[in-house]
Amino acid sequence: MPTLPGLYRIRIGGRLGATALSAFPSMVAEPKGSETVLTGVLEDRSALFGVLAQIEALGLELLELSQIPVGPTPPDAGPEITGIR
């Protein structure tokens, strides 16, 4: 069963240099203190497992993997402000 694309955030221990970052061309990297946060859309499970395999192959420390919810805001998400002038 194919998986729909998803937006993912991956926290890695340490600050990655240009060479290590080149292993993740579909991800945007942002240094956060002593960590690197990779964010990007992964097309399916295979792409997700490919990124995880790269992390393992490079000997990087995976701290967190999370899928970021995207899409329309549900109607019960809070009041909607309209008609402000």
N, C-alpha and C. Protein backbone atom coordinates (compact mmCIF):
# COMPACT_ATOMS: atom_id res chain seq x y z
N MET A 1 0.85 -1.17 0.00
CA MET A 1 0.00 0.00 0.00
C MET A 1 0.90 1.24 0.00
N PRO A 2 0.82 2.11 -1.01
CA PRO A 2 1.66 3.30 -1.07
C PRO A 2 1.30 4.31 0.01
N THR A 3 2.29 5.05 0.44
CA THR A 3 2.09 6.09 1.44
C THR A 3 2.13 7.44 0.75
N LEU A 4 1.26 8.35 1.17
CA LEU A 4 1.24 9.70 0.62
C LEU A 4 2.47 10.47 1.08
N PRO A 5 2.87 11.48 0.34
CA PRO A 5 4.00 12.31 0.77
C PRO A 5 3.72 12.95 2.13
N GLY A 6 4.77 13.20 2.88
CA GLY A 6 4.62 13.83 4.18
C GLY A 6 5.77 14.78 4.46
N LEU A 7 5.52 15.76 5.29
CA LEU A 7 6.54 16.70 5.72
C LEU A 7 7.14 16.17 7.02
N TYR A 8 8.47 16.04 7.05
CA TYR A 8 9.15 15.45 8.20
C TYR A 8 10.18 16.40 8.77
N ARG A 9 10.38 16.29 10.10
CA ARG A 9 11.45 17.00 10.81
C ARG A 9 12.32 15.92 11.46
N ILE A 10 13.63 16.03 11.21
CA ILE A 10 14.58 15.05 11.73
C ILE A 10 15.66 15.80 12.49
N ARG A 11 15.79 15.52 13.78
CA ARG A 11 16.84 16.13 14.60
C ARG A 11 18.03 15.19 14.69
N ILE A 12 19.20 15.73 14.41
CA ILE A 12 20.43 14.94 14.42
C ILE A 12 21.41 15.60 15.38
N GLY A 13 22.09 14.79 16.18
CA GLY A 13 23.10 15.30 17.10
C GLY A 13 24.31 15.81 16.33
N GLY A 14 24.79 16.98 16.71
CA GLY A 14 25.96 17.57 16.06
C GLY A 14 25.58 18.51 14.94
N ARG A 15 26.54 19.32 14.56
CA ARG A 15 26.33 20.25 13.43
C ARG A 15 26.94 19.61 12.20
N LEU A 16 26.11 19.40 11.19
CA LEU A 16 26.57 18.73 9.98
C LEU A 16 27.27 19.72 9.05
N GLY A 17 28.38 19.27 8.47
CA GLY A 17 29.09 20.08 7.49
C GLY A 17 28.50 19.89 6.10
N ALA A 18 29.07 20.59 5.14
CA ALA A 18 28.57 20.56 3.76
C ALA A 18 28.59 19.16 3.16
N THR A 19 29.63 18.40 3.45
CA THR A 19 29.73 17.05 2.89
C THR A 19 28.61 16.16 3.39
N ALA A 20 28.36 16.17 4.71
CA ALA A 20 27.28 15.35 5.27
C ALA A 20 25.92 15.84 4.78
N LEU A 21 25.75 17.15 4.69
CA LEU A 21 24.46 17.69 4.24
C LEU A 21 24.17 17.33 2.79
N SER A 22 25.21 17.12 1.99
CA SER A 22 24.99 16.76 0.58
C SER A 22 24.32 15.39 0.45
N ALA A 23 24.29 14.61 1.52
CA ALA A 23 23.62 13.31 1.50
C ALA A 23 22.11 13.44 1.62
N PHE A 24 21.63 14.67 1.89
CA PHE A 24 20.20 14.91 2.09
C PHE A 24 19.73 16.05 1.19
N PRO A 25 19.80 15.87 -0.13
CA PRO A 25 19.49 16.98 -1.05
C PRO A 25 18.04 17.46 -1.01
N SER A 26 17.12 16.61 -0.56
CA SER A 26 15.72 17.02 -0.54
C SER A 26 15.31 17.67 0.78
N MET A 27 16.26 17.81 1.70
CA MET A 27 15.96 18.35 3.03
C MET A 27 16.60 19.72 3.21
N VAL A 28 15.95 20.57 3.99
CA VAL A 28 16.49 21.87 4.37
C VAL A 28 17.11 21.71 5.75
N ALA A 29 18.36 22.13 5.89
CA ALA A 29 19.07 21.98 7.16
C ALA A 29 19.11 23.29 7.92
N GLU A 30 18.93 23.19 9.24
CA GLU A 30 19.00 24.37 10.10
C GLU A 30 19.76 23.98 11.37
N PRO A 31 20.91 24.64 11.63
CA PRO A 31 21.62 24.35 12.88
C PRO A 31 20.84 24.91 14.07
N LYS A 32 20.73 24.13 15.11
CA LYS A 32 20.04 24.53 16.35
C LYS A 32 20.93 24.14 17.52
N GLY A 33 21.75 25.07 17.98
CA GLY A 33 22.67 24.77 19.07
C GLY A 33 23.67 23.72 18.63
N SER A 34 23.71 22.62 19.35
CA SER A 34 24.64 21.53 19.01
C SER A 34 23.97 20.46 18.16
N GLU A 35 22.86 20.78 17.53
CA GLU A 35 22.12 19.83 16.69
C GLU A 35 21.90 20.41 15.30
N THR A 36 21.49 19.54 14.39
CA THR A 36 21.07 19.95 13.06
C THR A 36 19.66 19.43 12.86
N VAL A 37 18.77 20.29 12.40
CA VAL A 37 17.39 19.89 12.12
C VAL A 37 17.20 19.87 10.61
N LEU A 38 16.80 18.71 10.10
CA LEU A 38 16.50 18.55 8.68
C LEU A 38 14.98 18.55 8.53
N THR A 39 14.48 19.32 7.58
CA THR A 39 13.04 19.38 7.32
C THR A 39 12.82 19.25 5.83
N GLY A 40 11.83 18.44 5.45
CA GLY A 40 11.52 18.32 4.04
C GLY A 40 10.40 17.35 3.77
N VAL A 41 9.92 17.38 2.55
CA VAL A 41 8.87 16.47 2.10
C VAL A 41 9.51 15.19 1.61
N LEU A 42 9.02 14.07 2.11
CA LEU A 42 9.46 12.76 1.65
C LEU A 42 8.26 12.10 0.98
N GLU A 43 8.48 11.62 -0.22
CA GLU A 43 7.39 11.16 -1.09
C GLU A 43 6.66 9.92 -0.59
N ASP A 44 7.38 9.03 0.09
CA ASP A 44 6.76 7.78 0.53
C ASP A 44 7.64 7.12 1.59
N ARG A 45 7.22 5.93 2.04
CA ARG A 45 7.99 5.19 3.06
C ARG A 45 9.39 4.89 2.60
N SER A 46 9.53 4.57 1.33
CA SER A 46 10.84 4.24 0.79
C SER A 46 11.80 5.42 0.91
N ALA A 47 11.31 6.63 0.63
CA ALA A 47 12.15 7.83 0.76
C ALA A 47 12.51 8.07 2.23
N LEU A 48 11.57 7.87 3.12
CA LEU A 48 11.83 8.04 4.55
C LEU A 48 12.91 7.06 5.01
N PHE A 49 12.75 5.80 4.65
CA PHE A 49 13.74 4.80 5.05
C PHE A 49 15.08 5.04 4.39
N GLY A 50 15.09 5.64 3.20
CA GLY A 50 16.34 6.00 2.54
C GLY A 50 17.10 7.06 3.32
N VAL A 51 16.39 8.06 3.83
CA VAL A 51 17.02 9.11 4.64
C VAL A 51 17.54 8.51 5.94
N LEU A 52 16.75 7.64 6.56
CA LEU A 52 17.21 6.99 7.80
C LEU A 52 18.44 6.12 7.55
N ALA A 53 18.49 5.46 6.40
CA ALA A 53 19.65 4.64 6.06
C ALA A 53 20.89 5.51 5.86
N GLN A 54 20.72 6.69 5.27
CA GLN A 54 21.84 7.63 5.09
C GLN A 54 22.36 8.08 6.46
N ILE A 55 21.45 8.38 7.37
CA ILE A 55 21.85 8.80 8.71
C ILE A 55 22.68 7.70 9.37
N GLU A 56 22.21 6.47 9.26
CA GLU A 56 22.94 5.34 9.85
C GLU A 56 24.28 5.12 9.16
N ALA A 57 24.31 5.18 7.83
CA ALA A 57 25.55 4.94 7.08
C ALA A 57 26.62 5.98 7.41
N LEU A 58 26.19 7.21 7.70
CA LEU A 58 27.14 8.27 8.05
C LEU A 58 27.52 8.25 9.53
N GLY A 59 26.91 7.37 10.30
CA GLY A 59 27.21 7.27 11.72
C GLY A 59 26.69 8.45 12.53
N LEU A 60 25.60 9.05 12.06
CA LEU A 60 25.03 10.20 12.74
C LEU A 60 24.09 9.75 13.85
N GLU A 61 23.90 10.62 14.84
CA GLU A 61 23.03 10.31 15.96
C GLU A 61 21.64 10.87 15.70
N LEU A 62 20.68 9.97 15.48
CA LEU A 62 19.29 10.36 15.27
C LEU A 62 18.67 10.65 16.64
N LEU A 63 18.22 11.88 16.84
CA LEU A 63 17.62 12.28 18.11
C LEU A 63 16.10 12.22 18.07
N GLU A 64 15.53 12.60 16.92
CA GLU A 64 14.07 12.65 16.83
C GLU A 64 13.65 12.62 15.36
N LEU A 65 12.56 11.93 15.11
CA LEU A 65 11.93 11.91 13.80
C LEU A 65 10.46 12.20 14.03
N SER A 66 9.93 13.22 13.36
CA SER A 66 8.52 13.52 13.52
C SER A 66 7.92 13.95 12.19
N GLN A 67 6.67 13.56 12.00
CA GLN A 67 5.94 14.00 10.82
C GLN A 67 5.17 15.26 11.21
N ILE A 68 5.28 16.28 10.38
CA ILE A 68 4.62 17.55 10.64
C ILE A 68 3.27 17.55 9.94
N PRO A 69 2.18 17.71 10.68
CA PRO A 69 0.87 17.72 10.04
C PRO A 69 0.73 18.93 9.10
N VAL A 70 0.20 18.68 7.94
CA VAL A 70 -0.08 19.74 6.98
C VAL A 70 -1.49 19.56 6.46
N GLY A 71 -2.02 20.62 5.90
CA GLY A 71 -3.35 20.52 5.33
C GLY A 71 -4.24 21.61 5.88
N PRO A 72 -5.51 21.56 5.52
CA PRO A 72 -6.43 22.60 5.97
C PRO A 72 -6.62 22.55 7.48
N THR A 73 -6.88 23.70 8.06
CA THR A 73 -7.14 23.78 9.49
C THR A 73 -8.52 23.22 9.77
N PRO A 74 -8.61 22.30 10.73
CA PRO A 74 -9.93 21.74 11.05
C PRO A 74 -10.87 22.81 11.59
N PRO A 75 -12.17 22.64 11.38
CA PRO A 75 -13.13 23.66 11.81
C PRO A 75 -13.10 23.90 13.31
N ASP A 76 -12.73 22.92 14.12
CA ASP A 76 -12.73 23.08 15.57
C ASP A 76 -11.37 23.57 16.10
N ALA A 77 -10.52 24.13 15.24
CA ALA A 77 -9.19 24.55 15.65
C ALA A 77 -9.21 25.90 16.38
N GLY A 78 -10.32 26.55 16.43
CA GLY A 78 -10.39 27.82 17.14
C GLY A 78 -11.19 28.82 16.34
N PRO A 79 -11.39 30.00 16.91
CA PRO A 79 -12.21 31.00 16.21
C PRO A 79 -11.52 31.52 14.97
N GLU A 80 -12.30 31.75 13.94
CA GLU A 80 -11.78 32.32 12.72
C GLU A 80 -12.16 33.80 12.69
N ILE A 81 -11.21 34.65 12.42
CA ILE A 81 -11.48 36.08 12.40
C ILE A 81 -11.67 36.52 10.95
N THR A 82 -12.83 37.07 10.68
CA THR A 82 -13.13 37.53 9.32
C THR A 82 -13.72 38.93 9.40
N GLY A 83 -13.63 39.64 8.31
CA GLY A 83 -14.28 40.94 8.21
C GLY A 83 -13.64 42.05 9.02
N ILE A 84 -12.34 41.94 9.31
CA ILE A 84 -11.67 43.00 10.07
C ILE A 84 -11.31 44.13 9.13
N ARG A 85 -11.60 45.38 9.54
CA ARG A 85 -11.29 46.54 8.72
C ARG A 85 -10.47 47.52 9.49
